[in-house]
């Protein structure tokens, strides 16, 4: 009985982790009412196995599409919305964005996830 409880506890705890799936280009750009349901669970694989420093802007946009028009970004930085949570508010209460920094020659210099909470 004790073993069964341990096994069930381990199964429960392993199911609680972050769900991650392999990057799939068609699903990355799939949007329902402006919300991307697959981006947040694909971004880890995208960053580890597909995005590369030194790739051109064209290669980047061929891979993940054109960036959203985000205001207040520093020069040579583009962003892809991963998640927006509005809660019960009219304005977002939390966002996650994949930020890609480009060189002056439009080559990928760096990329990271930025999270904002109200």
N, C-alpha and C. Protein backbone atom coordinates (compact mmCIF):
# COMPACT_ATOMS: atom_id res chain seq x y z
N UNK A 1 0.82 -1.20 0.00
CA UNK A 1 0.00 0.00 0.00
C UNK A 1 0.86 1.26 0.00
N UNK A 2 1.94 1.21 0.78
CA UNK A 2 2.83 2.38 0.86
C UNK A 2 3.49 2.63 -0.50
N UNK A 3 3.89 1.55 -1.18
CA UNK A 3 4.50 1.69 -2.51
C UNK A 3 3.51 2.30 -3.50
N UNK A 4 2.29 1.85 -3.43
CA UNK A 4 1.26 2.37 -4.32
C UNK A 4 1.07 3.88 -4.11
N UNK A 5 1.06 4.31 -2.87
CA UNK A 5 0.92 5.74 -2.57
C UNK A 5 2.11 6.54 -3.10
N UNK A 6 3.31 5.98 -2.99
CA UNK A 6 4.51 6.66 -3.49
C UNK A 6 4.45 6.77 -5.00
N UNK A 7 4.08 5.69 -5.66
CA UNK A 7 3.99 5.69 -7.13
C UNK A 7 2.93 6.69 -7.60
N UNK A 8 1.78 6.69 -6.97
CA UNK A 8 0.72 7.64 -7.34
C UNK A 8 1.16 9.08 -7.10
N UNK A 9 1.87 9.31 -6.01
CA UNK A 9 2.36 10.67 -5.72
C UNK A 9 3.36 11.12 -6.77
N UNK A 10 4.27 10.23 -7.17
CA UNK A 10 5.25 10.57 -8.19
C UNK A 10 4.58 10.85 -9.53
N UNK A 11 3.59 10.05 -9.88
CA UNK A 11 2.86 10.28 -11.13
C UNK A 11 2.14 11.62 -11.10
N UNK A 12 1.54 11.93 -9.98
CA UNK A 12 0.84 13.21 -9.85
C UNK A 12 1.80 14.38 -9.96
N UNK A 13 2.93 14.30 -9.29
CA UNK A 13 3.91 15.39 -9.32
C UNK A 13 4.52 15.57 -10.70
N UNK A 14 4.76 14.48 -11.41
CA UNK A 14 5.34 14.60 -12.75
C UNK A 14 4.34 15.20 -13.73
N UNK A 15 3.07 15.02 -13.49
CA UNK A 15 2.04 15.58 -14.38
C UNK A 15 1.86 17.08 -14.16
N UNK A 16 2.35 17.60 -13.05
CA UNK A 16 2.17 19.02 -12.72
C UNK A 16 3.20 19.93 -13.38
N UNK A 17 4.22 19.39 -14.00
CA UNK A 17 5.29 20.21 -14.58
C UNK A 17 4.83 20.97 -15.81
N UNK A 18 5.69 21.88 -16.26
CA UNK A 18 5.39 22.64 -17.47
C UNK A 18 5.31 21.70 -18.67
N UNK A 19 4.27 21.87 -19.43
CA UNK A 19 4.11 21.07 -20.64
C UNK A 19 4.91 21.72 -21.76
N UNK A 20 5.75 20.95 -22.42
CA UNK A 20 6.55 21.44 -23.53
C UNK A 20 6.33 20.50 -24.71
N UNK A 21 6.25 21.07 -25.89
CA UNK A 21 6.11 20.27 -27.10
C UNK A 21 7.14 20.75 -28.11
N UNK A 22 7.38 19.92 -29.11
CA UNK A 22 8.32 20.29 -30.16
C UNK A 22 7.77 21.43 -30.99
N UNK A 23 8.69 22.29 -31.45
CA UNK A 23 8.32 23.41 -32.29
C UNK A 23 7.74 22.90 -33.60
N UNK A 24 6.60 23.47 -33.99
CA UNK A 24 5.95 23.16 -35.25
C UNK A 24 5.55 24.49 -35.89
N UNK A 25 6.13 24.80 -37.02
CA UNK A 25 5.94 26.11 -37.65
C UNK A 25 4.47 26.46 -37.86
N UNK A 26 3.68 25.52 -38.35
CA UNK A 26 2.27 25.82 -38.63
C UNK A 26 1.50 26.14 -37.35
N UNK A 27 1.79 25.44 -36.27
CA UNK A 27 1.10 25.71 -35.01
C UNK A 27 1.61 26.98 -34.34
N UNK A 28 2.89 27.32 -34.54
CA UNK A 28 3.46 28.53 -33.95
C UNK A 28 2.65 29.77 -34.35
N UNK A 29 2.26 29.84 -35.60
CA UNK A 29 1.55 31.02 -36.10
C UNK A 29 0.03 30.90 -36.03
N UNK A 30 -0.46 29.79 -35.51
CA UNK A 30 -1.90 29.59 -35.39
C UNK A 30 -2.45 30.46 -34.26
N UNK A 31 -3.42 31.28 -34.61
CA UNK A 31 -3.96 32.23 -33.64
C UNK A 31 -5.48 32.17 -33.64
N UNK A 32 -6.05 32.24 -32.44
CA UNK A 32 -7.50 32.29 -32.29
C UNK A 32 -7.82 33.60 -31.58
N UNK A 33 -8.49 34.50 -32.26
CA UNK A 33 -8.82 35.82 -31.72
C UNK A 33 -7.59 36.56 -31.19
N UNK A 34 -6.47 36.40 -31.88
CA UNK A 34 -5.25 37.11 -31.49
C UNK A 34 -4.43 36.43 -30.40
N UNK A 35 -4.85 35.26 -29.95
CA UNK A 35 -4.13 34.54 -28.91
C UNK A 35 -3.46 33.31 -29.53
N UNK A 36 -2.19 33.12 -29.21
CA UNK A 36 -1.42 31.99 -29.73
C UNK A 36 -1.39 30.90 -28.67
N UNK A 37 -2.15 29.84 -28.88
CA UNK A 37 -2.27 28.82 -27.84
C UNK A 37 -1.08 27.87 -27.77
N UNK A 38 -0.25 27.80 -28.81
CA UNK A 38 0.86 26.84 -28.81
C UNK A 38 2.23 27.46 -28.54
N UNK A 39 2.37 28.75 -28.68
CA UNK A 39 3.69 29.37 -28.61
C UNK A 39 4.39 29.14 -27.27
N UNK A 40 3.68 29.32 -26.18
CA UNK A 40 4.31 29.21 -24.87
C UNK A 40 4.87 27.81 -24.62
N UNK A 41 4.19 26.78 -25.11
CA UNK A 41 4.67 25.42 -24.88
C UNK A 41 5.71 24.97 -25.90
N UNK A 42 5.90 25.73 -26.97
CA UNK A 42 6.88 25.40 -28.01
C UNK A 42 8.18 26.20 -27.90
N UNK A 43 8.16 27.29 -27.15
CA UNK A 43 9.28 28.23 -27.20
C UNK A 43 10.59 27.62 -26.70
N UNK A 44 10.53 26.73 -25.73
CA UNK A 44 11.77 26.12 -25.22
C UNK A 44 12.46 25.33 -26.33
N UNK A 45 11.72 24.50 -27.04
CA UNK A 45 12.30 23.73 -28.14
C UNK A 45 12.78 24.66 -29.26
N UNK A 46 12.02 25.69 -29.55
CA UNK A 46 12.41 26.66 -30.57
C UNK A 46 13.76 27.28 -30.22
N UNK A 47 13.92 27.74 -28.99
CA UNK A 47 15.15 28.41 -28.58
C UNK A 47 16.33 27.45 -28.51
N UNK A 48 16.09 26.21 -28.10
CA UNK A 48 17.19 25.25 -27.95
C UNK A 48 17.60 24.59 -29.26
N UNK A 49 16.66 24.41 -30.18
CA UNK A 49 16.95 23.58 -31.35
C UNK A 49 16.77 24.26 -32.71
N UNK A 50 16.19 25.45 -32.76
CA UNK A 50 15.90 26.06 -34.06
C UNK A 50 16.47 27.46 -34.23
N UNK A 51 16.32 28.31 -33.22
CA UNK A 51 16.88 29.66 -33.31
C UNK A 51 18.39 29.60 -33.14
N UNK A 52 19.10 30.36 -33.95
CA UNK A 52 20.56 30.39 -33.86
C UNK A 52 21.05 31.81 -33.97
N UNK A 53 22.02 32.14 -33.14
CA UNK A 53 22.67 33.44 -33.27
C UNK A 53 23.38 33.47 -34.61
N UNK A 54 23.28 34.57 -35.32
CA UNK A 54 23.91 34.70 -36.62
C UNK A 54 22.97 34.45 -37.79
N UNK A 55 21.78 33.91 -37.53
CA UNK A 55 20.85 33.71 -38.64
C UNK A 55 20.32 35.07 -39.10
N UNK A 56 19.96 35.14 -40.36
CA UNK A 56 19.51 36.41 -40.93
C UNK A 56 18.06 36.68 -40.52
N UNK A 57 17.65 37.93 -40.66
CA UNK A 57 16.27 38.32 -40.39
C UNK A 57 15.33 37.51 -41.29
N UNK A 58 15.72 37.31 -42.52
CA UNK A 58 14.90 36.54 -43.47
C UNK A 58 14.74 35.10 -43.00
N UNK A 59 15.84 34.48 -42.54
CA UNK A 59 15.74 33.11 -42.03
C UNK A 59 14.83 33.06 -40.80
N UNK A 60 14.94 34.08 -39.96
CA UNK A 60 14.11 34.15 -38.76
C UNK A 60 12.63 34.24 -39.12
N UNK A 61 12.30 35.15 -40.03
CA UNK A 61 10.89 35.32 -40.39
C UNK A 61 10.37 34.15 -41.22
N UNK A 62 11.23 33.48 -41.97
CA UNK A 62 10.80 32.26 -42.66
C UNK A 62 10.47 31.17 -41.65
N UNK A 63 11.18 31.16 -40.53
CA UNK A 63 10.99 30.14 -39.50
C UNK A 63 9.76 30.42 -38.64
N UNK A 64 9.64 31.65 -38.12
CA UNK A 64 8.58 31.93 -37.15
C UNK A 64 7.65 33.08 -37.53
N UNK A 65 7.78 33.58 -38.74
CA UNK A 65 6.86 34.62 -39.19
C UNK A 65 7.32 36.02 -38.82
N UNK A 66 6.56 36.99 -39.29
CA UNK A 66 6.90 38.39 -39.00
C UNK A 66 6.52 38.72 -37.56
N UNK A 67 7.32 39.56 -36.93
CA UNK A 67 7.03 39.91 -35.53
C UNK A 67 5.80 40.80 -35.43
N UNK A 68 5.20 40.78 -34.23
CA UNK A 68 4.10 41.70 -33.97
C UNK A 68 4.68 43.10 -33.82
N UNK A 69 3.88 44.09 -34.06
CA UNK A 69 4.31 45.48 -33.92
C UNK A 69 4.20 45.88 -32.46
N UNK A 70 5.31 45.81 -31.73
CA UNK A 70 5.30 46.15 -30.32
C UNK A 70 5.91 47.53 -30.11
N UNK A 71 5.19 48.39 -29.46
CA UNK A 71 5.70 49.74 -29.18
C UNK A 71 6.70 49.68 -28.02
N UNK A 72 7.49 50.70 -27.91
CA UNK A 72 8.44 50.87 -26.81
C UNK A 72 9.55 49.83 -26.76
N UNK A 73 9.91 49.27 -27.90
CA UNK A 73 11.05 48.35 -27.94
C UNK A 73 12.29 49.14 -28.31
N UNK A 74 13.42 48.70 -27.76
CA UNK A 74 14.64 49.40 -28.15
C UNK A 74 15.00 49.05 -29.58
N UNK A 75 15.81 49.87 -30.18
CA UNK A 75 16.17 49.72 -31.59
C UNK A 75 16.80 48.35 -31.83
N UNK A 76 16.53 47.77 -32.99
CA UNK A 76 17.04 46.45 -33.40
C UNK A 76 16.52 45.31 -32.53
N UNK A 77 15.37 45.50 -31.91
CA UNK A 77 14.75 44.44 -31.11
C UNK A 77 13.34 44.21 -31.63
N UNK A 78 13.01 42.94 -31.82
CA UNK A 78 11.66 42.57 -32.25
C UNK A 78 11.09 41.58 -31.25
N UNK A 79 9.77 41.47 -31.23
CA UNK A 79 9.14 40.61 -30.26
C UNK A 79 8.04 39.75 -30.85
N UNK A 80 7.88 38.57 -30.25
CA UNK A 80 6.81 37.64 -30.61
C UNK A 80 6.03 37.32 -29.34
N UNK A 81 4.76 37.62 -29.34
CA UNK A 81 3.92 37.37 -28.17
C UNK A 81 3.80 35.87 -27.94
N UNK A 82 4.08 35.44 -26.72
CA UNK A 82 3.92 34.04 -26.35
C UNK A 82 2.61 33.84 -25.60
N UNK A 83 2.30 34.78 -24.70
CA UNK A 83 1.13 34.64 -23.86
C UNK A 83 0.69 36.01 -23.38
N UNK A 84 -0.61 36.23 -23.35
CA UNK A 84 -1.21 37.42 -22.74
C UNK A 84 -2.37 36.96 -21.87
N UNK A 85 -2.35 37.38 -20.62
CA UNK A 85 -3.42 37.04 -19.69
C UNK A 85 -4.11 38.32 -19.26
N UNK A 86 -5.41 38.39 -19.47
CA UNK A 86 -6.18 39.57 -19.12
C UNK A 86 -6.91 39.42 -17.79
N UNK A 87 -6.96 38.19 -17.26
CA UNK A 87 -7.71 38.00 -16.03
C UNK A 87 -9.12 38.53 -16.22
N UNK A 88 -9.57 39.39 -15.32
CA UNK A 88 -10.89 40.02 -15.42
C UNK A 88 -10.77 41.48 -15.81
N UNK A 89 -9.60 41.87 -16.32
CA UNK A 89 -9.32 43.27 -16.63
C UNK A 89 -9.42 43.50 -18.13
N UNK A 90 -9.55 44.76 -18.53
CA UNK A 90 -9.57 45.11 -19.94
C UNK A 90 -8.14 45.19 -20.50
N UNK A 91 -7.18 45.43 -19.60
CA UNK A 91 -5.77 45.49 -19.97
C UNK A 91 -5.07 44.21 -19.51
N UNK A 92 -3.98 43.83 -20.17
CA UNK A 92 -3.26 42.63 -19.75
C UNK A 92 -2.75 42.75 -18.31
N UNK A 93 -2.81 41.63 -17.60
CA UNK A 93 -2.24 41.57 -16.25
C UNK A 93 -0.92 40.80 -16.26
N UNK A 94 -0.66 40.06 -17.35
CA UNK A 94 0.60 39.33 -17.49
C UNK A 94 0.86 39.07 -18.97
N UNK A 95 2.12 39.20 -19.37
CA UNK A 95 2.51 38.87 -20.74
C UNK A 95 3.86 38.16 -20.73
N UNK A 96 4.07 37.33 -21.74
CA UNK A 96 5.38 36.72 -22.01
C UNK A 96 5.67 36.96 -23.48
N UNK A 97 6.89 37.40 -23.75
CA UNK A 97 7.28 37.75 -25.12
C UNK A 97 8.65 37.18 -25.42
N UNK A 98 8.80 36.58 -26.60
CA UNK A 98 10.12 36.18 -27.08
C UNK A 98 10.73 37.41 -27.73
N UNK A 99 11.82 37.89 -27.15
CA UNK A 99 12.50 39.08 -27.65
C UNK A 99 13.73 38.64 -28.44
N UNK A 100 13.88 39.17 -29.65
CA UNK A 100 15.02 38.85 -30.51
C UNK A 100 15.76 40.15 -30.79
N UNK A 101 17.04 40.15 -30.43
CA UNK A 101 17.88 41.33 -30.67
C UNK A 101 18.68 41.09 -31.94
N UNK A 102 18.68 42.08 -32.82
CA UNK A 102 19.38 41.99 -34.10
C UNK A 102 20.57 42.94 -34.13
N UNK A 103 21.57 42.59 -34.94
CA UNK A 103 22.69 43.49 -35.17
C UNK A 103 22.26 44.54 -36.19
N UNK A 104 23.12 45.51 -36.45
CA UNK A 104 22.83 46.52 -37.47
C UNK A 104 22.74 45.90 -38.86
N UNK A 105 23.32 44.71 -39.04
CA UNK A 105 23.27 43.99 -40.31
C UNK A 105 22.09 43.03 -40.38
N UNK A 106 21.16 43.13 -39.44
CA UNK A 106 19.95 42.29 -39.38
C UNK A 106 20.26 40.81 -39.17
N UNK A 107 21.25 40.52 -38.35
CA UNK A 107 21.56 39.16 -37.94
C UNK A 107 21.11 38.99 -36.49
N UNK A 108 20.63 37.78 -36.15
CA UNK A 108 20.21 37.52 -34.78
C UNK A 108 21.43 37.57 -33.87
N UNK A 109 21.36 38.45 -32.88
CA UNK A 109 22.45 38.60 -31.93
C UNK A 109 22.16 37.88 -30.63
N UNK A 110 20.90 37.92 -30.20
CA UNK A 110 20.51 37.29 -28.94
C UNK A 110 19.00 37.11 -28.93
N UNK A 111 18.53 36.21 -28.07
CA UNK A 111 17.09 36.03 -27.89
C UNK A 111 16.83 35.56 -26.47
N UNK A 112 15.68 36.00 -25.94
CA UNK A 112 15.33 35.66 -24.56
C UNK A 112 13.83 35.85 -24.38
N UNK A 113 13.33 35.31 -23.28
CA UNK A 113 11.92 35.48 -22.93
C UNK A 113 11.82 36.56 -21.87
N UNK A 114 10.93 37.52 -22.10
CA UNK A 114 10.66 38.55 -21.10
C UNK A 114 9.24 38.37 -20.61
N UNK A 115 9.09 38.42 -19.29
CA UNK A 115 7.78 38.28 -18.68
C UNK A 115 7.45 39.56 -17.92
N UNK A 116 6.21 39.99 -18.03
CA UNK A 116 5.74 41.18 -17.33
C UNK A 116 4.47 40.83 -16.58
N UNK A 117 4.40 41.26 -15.32
CA UNK A 117 3.19 41.09 -14.52
C UNK A 117 2.78 42.43 -13.94
N UNK A 118 1.50 42.66 -13.90
CA UNK A 118 0.95 43.90 -13.35
C UNK A 118 1.10 43.91 -11.85
